[in-house]
């Protein structure tokens, strides 16, 4: 997954500028990103504080790790069933 060149604090700063009344086009131009990126960030980080955004990132990383472990466990189970001849 591609990482952002902006930190969560910077992203939330851009969102706050728009909330303060600065036009979205101007925020995007000054930050060097597209309108679509701004609206994607607003959907993900809208109304969050920087600490909440950091916690969200930690939870997403933990969730990805758990999904990987679950997939590996399912592969192990499938392989063991194949070895022992257990049919579904």
N, C-alpha and C. Protein backbone atom coordinates (compact mmCIF):
# COMPACT_ATOMS: atom_id res chain seq x y z
N UNK A 1 0.84 -1.17 0.00
CA UNK A 1 0.00 0.00 0.00
C UNK A 1 0.89 1.24 0.00
N UNK A 2 0.55 2.18 -0.84
CA UNK A 2 1.35 3.40 -0.96
C UNK A 2 1.11 4.29 0.26
N UNK A 3 2.19 4.82 0.79
CA UNK A 3 2.06 5.70 1.94
C UNK A 3 1.90 7.13 1.47
N UNK A 4 1.23 7.91 2.26
CA UNK A 4 1.01 9.31 1.93
C UNK A 4 2.25 10.12 2.21
N UNK A 5 2.46 11.15 1.43
CA UNK A 5 3.59 12.04 1.71
C UNK A 5 3.24 13.06 2.78
N UNK A 6 1.98 13.05 3.21
CA UNK A 6 1.51 13.94 4.26
C UNK A 6 1.22 13.15 5.53
N UNK A 7 1.53 13.72 6.67
CA UNK A 7 1.21 13.07 7.94
C UNK A 7 -0.26 13.33 8.27
N UNK A 8 -0.76 12.59 9.24
CA UNK A 8 -2.15 12.80 9.65
C UNK A 8 -2.36 14.22 10.16
N UNK A 9 -1.35 14.76 10.85
CA UNK A 9 -1.46 16.12 11.38
C UNK A 9 -1.58 17.14 10.25
N UNK A 10 -0.81 16.93 9.18
CA UNK A 10 -0.89 17.84 8.03
C UNK A 10 -2.25 17.73 7.35
N UNK A 11 -2.72 16.50 7.19
CA UNK A 11 -4.02 16.29 6.54
C UNK A 11 -5.12 16.96 7.34
N UNK A 12 -5.11 16.78 8.64
CA UNK A 12 -6.13 17.39 9.49
C UNK A 12 -6.00 18.91 9.44
N UNK A 13 -4.78 19.41 9.32
CA UNK A 13 -4.58 20.85 9.15
C UNK A 13 -5.22 21.37 7.88
N UNK A 14 -5.06 20.65 6.78
CA UNK A 14 -5.71 21.04 5.52
C UNK A 14 -7.22 21.04 5.67
N UNK A 15 -7.75 20.01 6.34
CA UNK A 15 -9.20 19.94 6.53
C UNK A 15 -9.70 21.09 7.39
N UNK A 16 -8.94 21.46 8.39
CA UNK A 16 -9.33 22.58 9.26
C UNK A 16 -9.32 23.90 8.49
N UNK A 17 -8.36 24.06 7.57
CA UNK A 17 -8.33 25.27 6.75
C UNK A 17 -9.61 25.41 5.95
N UNK A 18 -10.07 24.29 5.38
CA UNK A 18 -11.31 24.32 4.60
C UNK A 18 -12.51 24.58 5.51
N UNK A 19 -12.50 24.01 6.71
CA UNK A 19 -13.60 24.25 7.65
C UNK A 19 -13.64 25.71 8.09
N UNK A 20 -12.47 26.35 8.13
CA UNK A 20 -12.39 27.75 8.56
C UNK A 20 -12.88 28.72 7.48
N UNK A 21 -13.16 28.21 6.29
CA UNK A 21 -13.71 29.06 5.25
C UNK A 21 -12.84 29.22 4.03
N UNK A 22 -11.65 28.67 4.05
CA UNK A 22 -10.78 28.74 2.87
C UNK A 22 -11.35 27.83 1.79
N UNK A 23 -11.45 28.31 0.55
CA UNK A 23 -12.01 27.47 -0.52
C UNK A 23 -11.19 26.20 -0.72
N UNK A 24 -11.89 25.11 -1.02
CA UNK A 24 -11.25 23.81 -1.18
C UNK A 24 -10.20 23.86 -2.29
N UNK A 25 -10.52 24.52 -3.39
CA UNK A 25 -9.57 24.64 -4.50
C UNK A 25 -8.27 25.29 -4.03
N UNK A 26 -8.38 26.32 -3.19
CA UNK A 26 -7.20 27.03 -2.70
C UNK A 26 -6.39 26.15 -1.74
N UNK A 27 -7.07 25.40 -0.89
CA UNK A 27 -6.37 24.49 0.03
C UNK A 27 -5.60 23.44 -0.78
N UNK A 28 -6.25 22.90 -1.80
CA UNK A 28 -5.62 21.87 -2.63
C UNK A 28 -4.43 22.44 -3.39
N UNK A 29 -4.58 23.63 -3.92
CA UNK A 29 -3.49 24.25 -4.68
C UNK A 29 -2.30 24.54 -3.77
N UNK A 30 -2.56 25.07 -2.58
CA UNK A 30 -1.45 25.39 -1.67
C UNK A 30 -0.76 24.13 -1.14
N UNK A 31 -1.52 23.04 -0.98
CA UNK A 31 -0.94 21.80 -0.48
C UNK A 31 -0.34 20.92 -1.55
N UNK A 32 -0.74 21.15 -2.81
CA UNK A 32 -0.21 20.35 -3.90
C UNK A 32 -0.85 18.99 -4.05
N UNK A 33 -2.15 18.90 -3.85
CA UNK A 33 -2.88 17.65 -4.03
C UNK A 33 -4.20 17.95 -4.73
N UNK A 34 -4.88 16.91 -5.19
CA UNK A 34 -6.10 17.08 -5.98
C UNK A 34 -7.34 17.24 -5.09
N UNK A 35 -8.40 17.70 -5.72
CA UNK A 35 -9.69 17.82 -5.02
C UNK A 35 -10.17 16.45 -4.55
N UNK A 36 -9.98 15.45 -5.40
CA UNK A 36 -10.42 14.09 -5.04
C UNK A 36 -9.71 13.60 -3.79
N UNK A 37 -8.43 13.90 -3.69
CA UNK A 37 -7.68 13.51 -2.50
C UNK A 37 -8.23 14.22 -1.27
N UNK A 38 -8.54 15.49 -1.42
CA UNK A 38 -9.10 16.25 -0.30
C UNK A 38 -10.40 15.61 0.18
N UNK A 39 -11.30 15.28 -0.74
CA UNK A 39 -12.59 14.72 -0.34
C UNK A 39 -12.44 13.31 0.23
N UNK A 40 -11.44 12.56 -0.26
CA UNK A 40 -11.16 11.23 0.32
C UNK A 40 -10.68 11.39 1.75
N UNK A 41 -9.79 12.36 1.97
CA UNK A 41 -9.31 12.63 3.32
C UNK A 41 -10.45 13.09 4.22
N UNK A 42 -11.33 13.93 3.69
CA UNK A 42 -12.43 14.43 4.51
C UNK A 42 -13.35 13.30 4.93
N UNK A 43 -13.57 12.34 4.03
CA UNK A 43 -14.41 11.19 4.38
C UNK A 43 -13.75 10.33 5.46
N UNK A 44 -12.42 10.24 5.40
CA UNK A 44 -11.71 9.37 6.34
C UNK A 44 -11.40 10.07 7.66
N UNK A 45 -10.94 11.33 7.61
CA UNK A 45 -10.45 12.02 8.79
C UNK A 45 -11.35 13.16 9.26
N UNK A 46 -12.48 13.38 8.62
CA UNK A 46 -13.33 14.52 8.97
C UNK A 46 -13.77 14.48 10.42
N UNK A 47 -13.54 15.58 11.15
CA UNK A 47 -13.95 15.69 12.54
C UNK A 47 -13.01 15.04 13.53
N UNK A 48 -11.86 14.54 13.08
CA UNK A 48 -10.91 13.88 13.97
C UNK A 48 -9.84 14.84 14.46
N UNK A 49 -9.31 14.51 15.61
CA UNK A 49 -8.11 15.17 16.11
C UNK A 49 -6.91 14.35 15.65
N UNK A 50 -5.72 14.90 15.77
CA UNK A 50 -4.51 14.22 15.32
C UNK A 50 -4.29 12.92 16.10
N UNK A 51 -4.58 12.92 17.40
CA UNK A 51 -4.39 11.71 18.20
C UNK A 51 -5.36 10.61 17.77
N UNK A 52 -6.57 11.00 17.39
CA UNK A 52 -7.54 10.01 16.92
C UNK A 52 -7.10 9.42 15.58
N UNK A 53 -6.50 10.23 14.73
CA UNK A 53 -6.02 9.75 13.44
C UNK A 53 -4.88 8.77 13.63
N UNK A 54 -4.00 9.04 14.58
CA UNK A 54 -2.91 8.11 14.87
C UNK A 54 -3.46 6.79 15.39
N UNK A 55 -4.47 6.84 16.24
CA UNK A 55 -5.09 5.63 16.77
C UNK A 55 -5.76 4.84 15.64
N UNK A 56 -6.39 5.54 14.70
CA UNK A 56 -7.01 4.89 13.54
C UNK A 56 -5.95 4.14 12.73
N UNK A 57 -4.81 4.76 12.51
CA UNK A 57 -3.73 4.11 11.76
C UNK A 57 -3.26 2.85 12.49
N UNK A 58 -3.11 2.93 13.81
CA UNK A 58 -2.69 1.76 14.59
C UNK A 58 -3.71 0.63 14.48
N UNK A 59 -4.99 0.96 14.55
CA UNK A 59 -6.03 -0.05 14.46
C UNK A 59 -6.08 -0.69 13.08
N UNK A 60 -5.87 0.13 12.03
CA UNK A 60 -5.86 -0.42 10.68
C UNK A 60 -4.68 -1.37 10.49
N UNK A 61 -3.53 -1.05 11.05
CA UNK A 61 -2.36 -1.93 10.96
C UNK A 61 -2.62 -3.23 11.71
N UNK A 62 -3.21 -3.13 12.89
CA UNK A 62 -3.52 -4.31 13.68
C UNK A 62 -4.55 -5.18 12.95
N UNK A 63 -5.54 -4.57 12.34
CA UNK A 63 -6.56 -5.29 11.60
C UNK A 63 -5.95 -6.04 10.43
N UNK A 64 -5.03 -5.40 9.71
CA UNK A 64 -4.37 -6.06 8.58
C UNK A 64 -3.55 -7.26 9.06
N UNK A 65 -2.88 -7.11 10.18
CA UNK A 65 -2.08 -8.21 10.73
C UNK A 65 -2.98 -9.39 11.12
N UNK A 66 -4.10 -9.09 11.75
CA UNK A 66 -5.02 -10.16 12.16
C UNK A 66 -5.63 -10.86 10.95
N UNK A 67 -5.95 -10.11 9.91
CA UNK A 67 -6.49 -10.74 8.69
C UNK A 67 -5.47 -11.67 8.06
N UNK A 68 -4.21 -11.26 8.06
CA UNK A 68 -3.15 -12.10 7.51
C UNK A 68 -3.01 -13.38 8.32
N UNK A 69 -3.04 -13.28 9.65
CA UNK A 69 -2.95 -14.46 10.50
C UNK A 69 -4.12 -15.41 10.28
N UNK A 70 -5.31 -14.85 10.11
CA UNK A 70 -6.50 -15.68 9.87
C UNK A 70 -6.38 -16.40 8.54
N UNK A 71 -5.92 -15.71 7.51
CA UNK A 71 -5.75 -16.34 6.20
C UNK A 71 -4.73 -17.47 6.27
N UNK A 72 -3.64 -17.26 6.99
CA UNK A 72 -2.63 -18.31 7.14
C UNK A 72 -3.20 -19.51 7.89
N UNK A 73 -4.01 -19.26 8.91
CA UNK A 73 -4.61 -20.35 9.68
C UNK A 73 -5.57 -21.16 8.80
N UNK A 74 -6.33 -20.48 7.95
CA UNK A 74 -7.24 -21.19 7.05
C UNK A 74 -6.46 -22.03 6.04
N UNK A 75 -5.34 -21.52 5.55
CA UNK A 75 -4.51 -22.30 4.64
C UNK A 75 -3.95 -23.54 5.34
N UNK A 76 -3.52 -23.39 6.58
CA UNK A 76 -3.00 -24.53 7.34
C UNK A 76 -4.08 -25.59 7.53
N UNK A 77 -5.27 -25.16 7.88
CA UNK A 77 -6.39 -26.10 8.07
C UNK A 77 -6.70 -26.84 6.78
N UNK A 78 -6.73 -26.10 5.67
CA UNK A 78 -7.02 -26.71 4.37
C UNK A 78 -5.94 -27.73 4.01
N UNK A 79 -4.68 -27.39 4.27
CA UNK A 79 -3.58 -28.31 3.97
C UNK A 79 -3.67 -29.56 4.84
N UNK A 80 -3.98 -29.41 6.12
CA UNK A 80 -4.11 -30.57 7.00
C UNK A 80 -5.27 -31.46 6.60
N UNK A 81 -6.36 -30.87 6.18
CA UNK A 81 -7.50 -31.68 5.72
C UNK A 81 -7.11 -32.47 4.48
N UNK A 82 -6.31 -31.87 3.63
CA UNK A 82 -5.86 -32.58 2.43
C UNK A 82 -4.95 -33.74 2.76
N UNK A 83 -4.08 -33.56 3.74
CA UNK A 83 -3.14 -34.61 4.13
C UNK A 83 -3.87 -35.77 4.78
N UNK A 84 -4.83 -35.49 5.63
CA UNK A 84 -5.53 -36.54 6.36
C UNK A 84 -6.76 -37.05 5.62
N UNK A 85 -7.05 -36.51 4.46
CA UNK A 85 -8.15 -37.01 3.64
C UNK A 85 -9.52 -36.66 4.16
N UNK A 86 -9.64 -35.60 4.92
CA UNK A 86 -10.95 -35.18 5.44
C UNK A 86 -11.67 -34.44 4.33
N UNK A 87 -12.89 -34.88 4.06
CA UNK A 87 -13.67 -34.21 3.03
C UNK A 87 -14.68 -33.27 3.69
N UNK A 88 -15.05 -32.26 2.98
CA UNK A 88 -16.03 -31.29 3.50
C UNK A 88 -17.40 -31.83 3.53
